[in-house]
Amino acid sequence: MNVDRGSDRLVTAARDNTREQRVAASRLVLKKARNRDDLRLLLEALGLNEKPPPGE
């Protein structure tokens, strides 16, 4: 993964994703991750590892 490319982040960060898009992205990450560190990095890059605020 090329973490120096800012254009991908800009495209994905500029809009909200639907639940279906997040589910599809999560499934792809689970399929492609080689180990737990890779999984965490991919989820973080996609913004899929964010925990809801306390009380929700």
PDB file of N, CA and C in Angstrom:
ATOM      1  N   MET A   1       0.846  -1.164   0.000  1.00  0.00           N
ATOM      2  CA  MET A   1       0.000   0.000   0.000  1.00  0.00           C
ATOM      3  C   MET A   1       0.897   1.233   0.000  1.00  0.00           C
ATOM      4  N   ASN A   2       0.550   2.194  -0.803  1.00  0.00           N
ATOM      5  CA  ASN A   2       1.318   3.433  -0.885  1.00  0.00           C
ATOM      6  C   ASN A   2       0.670   4.468   0.031  1.00  0.00           C
ATOM      7  N   VAL A   3       1.229   4.627   1.229  1.00  0.00           N
ATOM      8  CA  VAL A   3       0.624   5.548   2.192  1.00  0.00           C
ATOM      9  C   VAL A   3       0.959   6.999   1.903  1.00  0.00           C
ATOM     10  N   ASP A   4       1.850   7.254   0.951  1.00  0.00           N
ATOM     11  CA  ASP A   4       2.218   8.626   0.610  1.00  0.00           C
ATOM     12  C   ASP A   4       1.232   9.284  -0.347  1.00  0.00           C
ATOM     13  N   ARG A   5       0.324   8.521  -0.917  1.00  0.00           N
ATOM     14  CA  ARG A   5      -0.642   9.088  -1.865  1.00  0.00           C
ATOM     15  C   ARG A   5      -1.783   9.734  -1.113  1.00  0.00           C
ATOM     16  N   GLY A   6      -1.886  11.031  -1.205  1.00  0.00           N
ATOM     17  CA  GLY A   6      -2.938  11.747  -0.507  1.00  0.00           C
ATOM     18  C   GLY A   6      -4.233  11.817  -1.285  1.00  0.00           C
ATOM     19  N   SER A   7      -4.173  11.579  -2.598  1.00  0.00           N
ATOM     20  CA  SER A   7      -5.372  11.726  -3.421  1.00  0.00           C
ATOM     21  C   SER A   7      -6.451  10.718  -3.038  1.00  0.00           C
ATOM     22  N   ASP A   8      -6.073   9.485  -2.716  1.00  0.00           N
ATOM     23  CA  ASP A   8      -7.057   8.475  -2.319  1.00  0.00           C
ATOM     24  C   ASP A   8      -7.757   8.887  -1.035  1.00  0.00           C
ATOM     25  N   ARG A   9      -7.012   9.411  -0.103  1.00  0.00           N
ATOM     26  CA  ARG A   9      -7.590   9.847   1.176  1.00  0.00           C
ATOM     27  C   ARG A   9      -8.572  10.989   0.948  1.00  0.00           C
ATOM     28  N   LEU A  10      -8.217  11.914   0.080  1.00  0.00           N
ATOM     29  CA  LEU A  10      -9.085  13.051  -0.197  1.00  0.00           C
ATOM     30  C   LEU A  10     -10.412  12.590  -0.801  1.00  0.00           C
ATOM     31  N   VAL A  11     -10.339  11.652  -1.714  1.00  0.00           N
ATOM     32  CA  VAL A  11     -11.553  11.162  -2.375  1.00  0.00           C
ATOM     33  C   VAL A  11     -12.468  10.460  -1.382  1.00  0.00           C
ATOM     34  N   THR A  12     -11.904   9.642  -0.497  1.00  0.00           N
ATOM     35  CA  THR A  12     -12.742   8.891   0.433  1.00  0.00           C
ATOM     36  C   THR A  12     -13.154   9.706   1.645  1.00  0.00           C
ATOM     37  N   ALA A  13     -12.359  10.690   2.036  1.00  0.00           N
ATOM     38  CA  ALA A  13     -12.657  11.466   3.242  1.00  0.00           C
ATOM     39  C   ALA A  13     -13.663  12.582   2.986  1.00  0.00           C
ATOM     40  N   ALA A  14     -13.876  12.947   1.742  1.00  0.00           N
ATOM     41  CA  ALA A  14     -14.715  14.100   1.421  1.00  0.00           C
ATOM     42  C   ALA A  14     -16.211  13.784   1.448  1.00  0.00           C
ATOM     43  N   ARG A  15     -16.585  12.513   1.640  1.00  0.00           N
ATOM     44  CA  ARG A  15     -18.005  12.178   1.638  1.00  0.00           C
ATOM     45  C   ARG A  15     -18.270  11.053   2.632  1.00  0.00           C
ATOM     46  N   ASP A  16     -19.513  10.956   3.054  1.00  0.00           N
ATOM     47  CA  ASP A  16     -19.921   9.866   3.939  1.00  0.00           C
ATOM     48  C   ASP A  16     -20.172   8.622   3.101  1.00  0.00           C
ATOM     49  N   ASN A  17     -19.848   7.477   3.675  1.00  0.00           N
ATOM     50  CA  ASN A  17     -20.092   6.213   2.997  1.00  0.00           C
ATOM     51  C   ASN A  17     -21.382   5.605   3.515  1.00  0.00           C
ATOM     52  N   THR A  18     -22.055   4.873   2.643  1.00  0.00           N
ATOM     53  CA  THR A  18     -23.274   4.188   3.057  1.00  0.00           C
ATOM     54  C   THR A  18     -22.911   2.942   3.854  1.00  0.00           C
ATOM     55  N   ARG A  19     -23.881   2.412   4.561  1.00  0.00           N
ATOM     56  CA  ARG A  19     -23.658   1.184   5.330  1.00  0.00           C
ATOM     57  C   ARG A  19     -23.218   0.052   4.408  1.00  0.00           C
ATOM     58  N   GLU A  20     -23.830  -0.045   3.253  1.00  0.00           N
ATOM     59  CA  GLU A  20     -23.487  -1.098   2.297  1.00  0.00           C
ATOM     60  C   GLU A  20     -22.042  -0.970   1.826  1.00  0.00           C
ATOM     61  N   GLN A  21     -21.583   0.258   1.600  1.00  0.00           N
ATOM     62  CA  GLN A  21     -20.202   0.474   1.176  1.00  0.00           C
ATOM     63  C   GLN A  21     -19.230   0.081   2.287  1.00  0.00           C
ATOM     64  N   ARG A  22     -19.563   0.408   3.534  1.00  0.00           N
ATOM     65  CA  ARG A  22     -18.695   0.045   4.656  1.00  0.00           C
ATOM     66  C   ARG A  22     -18.631  -1.469   4.831  1.00  0.00           C
ATOM     67  N   VAL A  23     -19.766  -2.141   4.675  1.00  0.00           N
ATOM     68  CA  VAL A  23     -19.797  -3.601   4.787  1.00  0.00           C
ATOM     69  C   VAL A  23     -18.951  -4.230   3.687  1.00  0.00           C
ATOM     70  N   ALA A  24     -19.101  -3.757   2.461  1.00  0.00           N
ATOM     71  CA  ALA A  24     -18.321  -4.292   1.339  1.00  0.00           C
ATOM     72  C   ALA A  24     -16.831  -4.050   1.554  1.00  0.00           C
ATOM     73  N   ALA A  25     -16.470  -2.867   2.027  1.00  0.00           N
ATOM     74  CA  ALA A  25     -15.062  -2.554   2.278  1.00  0.00           C
ATOM     75  C   ALA A  25     -14.509  -3.435   3.393  1.00  0.00           C
ATOM     76  N   SER A  26     -15.286  -3.648   4.438  1.00  0.00           N
ATOM     77  CA  SER A  26     -14.846  -4.499   5.548  1.00  0.00           C
ATOM     78  C   SER A  26     -14.613  -5.927   5.080  1.00  0.00           C
ATOM     79  N   ARG A  27     -15.502  -6.434   4.263  1.00  0.00           N
ATOM     80  CA  ARG A  27     -15.339  -7.803   3.743  1.00  0.00           C
ATOM     81  C   ARG A  27     -14.093  -7.922   2.875  1.00  0.00           C
ATOM     82  N   LEU A  28     -13.844  -6.907   2.055  1.00  0.00           N
ATOM     83  CA  LEU A  28     -12.654  -6.925   1.208  1.00  0.00           C
ATOM     84  C   LEU A  28     -11.388  -6.882   2.056  1.00  0.00           C
ATOM     85  N   VAL A  29     -11.392  -6.051   3.090  1.00  0.00           N
ATOM     86  CA  VAL A  29     -10.232  -5.964   3.982  1.00  0.00           C
ATOM     87  C   VAL A  29      -9.987  -7.306   4.658  1.00  0.00           C
ATOM     88  N   LEU A  30     -11.037  -7.937   5.161  1.00  0.00           N
ATOM     89  CA  LEU A  30     -10.879  -9.240   5.811  1.00  0.00           C
ATOM     90  C   LEU A  30     -10.339 -10.286   4.845  1.00  0.00           C
ATOM     91  N   LYS A  31     -10.721 -10.179   3.589  1.00  0.00           N
ATOM     92  CA  LYS A  31     -10.266 -11.131   2.576  1.00  0.00           C
ATOM     93  C   LYS A  31      -8.799 -10.909   2.208  1.00  0.00           C
ATOM     94  N   LYS A  32      -8.366  -9.637   2.153  1.00  0.00           N
ATOM     95  CA  LYS A  32      -7.029  -9.306   1.661  1.00  0.00           C
ATOM     96  C   LYS A  32      -5.956  -9.210   2.744  1.00  0.00           C
ATOM     97  N   ALA A  33      -6.344  -8.989   3.993  1.00  0.00           N
ATOM     98  CA  ALA A  33      -5.359  -8.815   5.064  1.00  0.00           C
ATOM     99  C   ALA A  33      -4.553 -10.097   5.260  1.00  0.00           C
ATOM    100  N   ARG A  34      -3.238  -9.943   5.392  1.00  0.00           N
ATOM    101  CA  ARG A  34      -2.356 -11.100   5.557  1.00  0.00           C
ATOM    102  C   ARG A  34      -2.139 -11.462   7.022  1.00  0.00           C
ATOM    103  N   ASN A  35      -2.257 -10.472   7.911  1.00  0.00           N
ATOM    104  CA  ASN A  35      -2.074 -10.702   9.340  1.00  0.00           C
ATOM    105  C   ASN A  35      -2.820  -9.610  10.106  1.00  0.00           C
ATOM    106  N   ARG A  36      -2.781  -9.673  11.429  1.00  0.00           N
ATOM    107  CA  ARG A  36      -3.542  -8.705  12.241  1.00  0.00           C
ATOM    108  C   ARG A  36      -3.055  -7.272  12.056  1.00  0.00           C
ATOM    109  N   ASP A  37      -1.741  -7.085  11.944  1.00  0.00           N
ATOM    110  CA  ASP A  37      -1.218  -5.730  11.737  1.00  0.00           C
ATOM    111  C   ASP A  37      -1.690  -5.168  10.403  1.00  0.00           C
ATOM    112  N   ASP A  38      -1.664  -5.999   9.381  1.00  0.00           N
ATOM    113  CA  ASP A  38      -2.146  -5.597   8.058  1.00  0.00           C
ATOM    114  C   ASP A  38      -3.636  -5.251   8.128  1.00  0.00           C
ATOM    115  N   LEU A  39      -4.389  -6.069   8.838  1.00  0.00           N
ATOM    116  CA  LEU A  39      -5.825  -5.834   9.008  1.00  0.00           C
ATOM    117  C   LEU A  39      -6.076  -4.489   9.692  1.00  0.00           C
ATOM    118  N   ARG A  40      -5.355  -4.225  10.784  1.00  0.00           N
ATOM    119  CA  ARG A  40      -5.528  -2.950  11.494  1.00  0.00           C
ATOM    120  C   ARG A  40      -5.179  -1.765  10.607  1.00  0.00           C
ATOM    121  N   LEU A  41      -4.086  -1.870   9.852  1.00  0.00           N
ATOM    122  CA  LEU A  41      -3.664  -0.784   8.966  1.00  0.00           C
ATOM    123  C   LEU A  41      -4.717  -0.511   7.893  1.00  0.00           C
ATOM    124  N   LEU A  42      -5.236  -1.564   7.279  1.00  0.00           N
ATOM    125  CA  LEU A  42      -6.254  -1.395   6.246  1.00  0.00           C
ATOM    126  C   LEU A  42      -7.540  -0.798   6.809  1.00  0.00           C
ATOM    127  N   LEU A  43      -7.973  -1.292   7.953  1.00  0.00           N
ATOM    128  CA  LEU A  43      -9.193  -0.750   8.569  1.00  0.00           C
ATOM    129  C   LEU A  43      -9.018   0.714   8.954  1.00  0.00           C
ATOM    130  N   GLU A  44      -7.841   1.048   9.476  1.00  0.00           N
ATOM    131  CA  GLU A  44      -7.571   2.441   9.847  1.00  0.00           C
ATOM    132  C   GLU A  44      -7.549   3.337   8.613  1.00  0.00           C
ATOM    133  N   ALA A  45      -6.921   2.873   7.544  1.00  0.00           N
ATOM    134  CA  ALA A  45      -6.841   3.667   6.315  1.00  0.00           C
ATOM    135  C   ALA A  45      -8.225   3.940   5.733  1.00  0.00           C
ATOM    136  N   LEU A  46      -9.123   2.989   5.892  1.00  0.00           N
ATOM    137  CA  LEU A  46     -10.481   3.146   5.366  1.00  0.00           C
ATOM    138  C   LEU A  46     -11.434   3.800   6.366  1.00  0.00           C
ATOM    139  N   GLY A  47     -10.950   4.040   7.573  1.00  0.00           N
ATOM    140  CA  GLY A  47     -11.810   4.648   8.587  1.00  0.00           C
ATOM    141  C   GLY A  47     -12.875   3.704   9.105  1.00  0.00           C
ATOM    142  N   LEU A  48     -12.602   2.415   9.042  1.00  0.00           N
ATOM    143  CA  LEU A  48     -13.594   1.419   9.451  1.00  0.00           C
ATOM    144  C   LEU A  48     -13.381   0.916  10.874  1.00  0.00           C
ATOM    145  N   ASN A  49     -12.336   1.371  11.540  1.00  0.00           N
ATOM    146  CA  ASN A  49     -12.062   0.883  12.887  1.00  0.00           C
ATOM    147  C   ASN A  49     -12.462   1.878  13.964  1.00  0.00           C
ATOM    148  N   GLU A  50     -13.166   2.926  13.583  1.00  0.00           N
ATOM    149  CA  GLU A  50     -13.566   3.940  14.548  1.00  0.00           C
ATOM    150  C   GLU A  50     -14.654   3.399  15.460  1.00  0.00           C
ATOM    151  N   LYS A  51     -14.460   3.607  16.760  1.00  0.00           N
ATOM    152  CA  LYS A  51     -15.451   3.161  17.731  1.00  0.00           C
ATOM    153  C   LYS A  51     -16.455   4.284  17.959  1.00  0.00           C
ATOM    154  N   PRO A  52     -17.713   3.936  18.180  1.00  0.00           N
ATOM    155  CA  PRO A  52     -18.710   4.982  18.457  1.00  0.00           C
ATOM    156  C   PRO A  52     -18.405   5.653  19.791  1.00  0.00           C
ATOM    157  N   PRO A  53     -18.787   6.907  19.951  1.00  0.00           N
ATOM    158  CA  PRO A  53     -18.575   7.595  21.229  1.00  0.00           C
ATOM    159  C   PRO A  53     -19.296   6.871  22.361  1.00  0.00           C
ATOM    160  N   PRO A  54     -18.781   6.986  23.598  1.00  0.00           N
ATOM    161  CA  PRO A  54     -19.442   6.327  24.734  1.00  0.00           C
ATOM    162  C   PRO A  54     -20.900   6.770  24.857  1.00  0.00           C
ATOM    163  N   GLY A  55     -21.752   5.829  25.183  1.00  0.00           N
ATOM    164  CA  GLY A  55     -23.166   6.136  25.353  1.00  0.00           C
ATOM    165  C   GLY A  55     -24.008   5.872  24.126  1.00  0.00           C
ATOM    166  N   GLU A  56     -23.395   5.475  23.034  1.00  0.00           N
ATOM    167  CA  GLU A  56     -24.182   5.178  21.819  1.00  0.00           C
ATOM    168  C   GLU A  56     -24.322   3.698  21.641  1.00  0.00           C
TER     169      GLU A  56
END
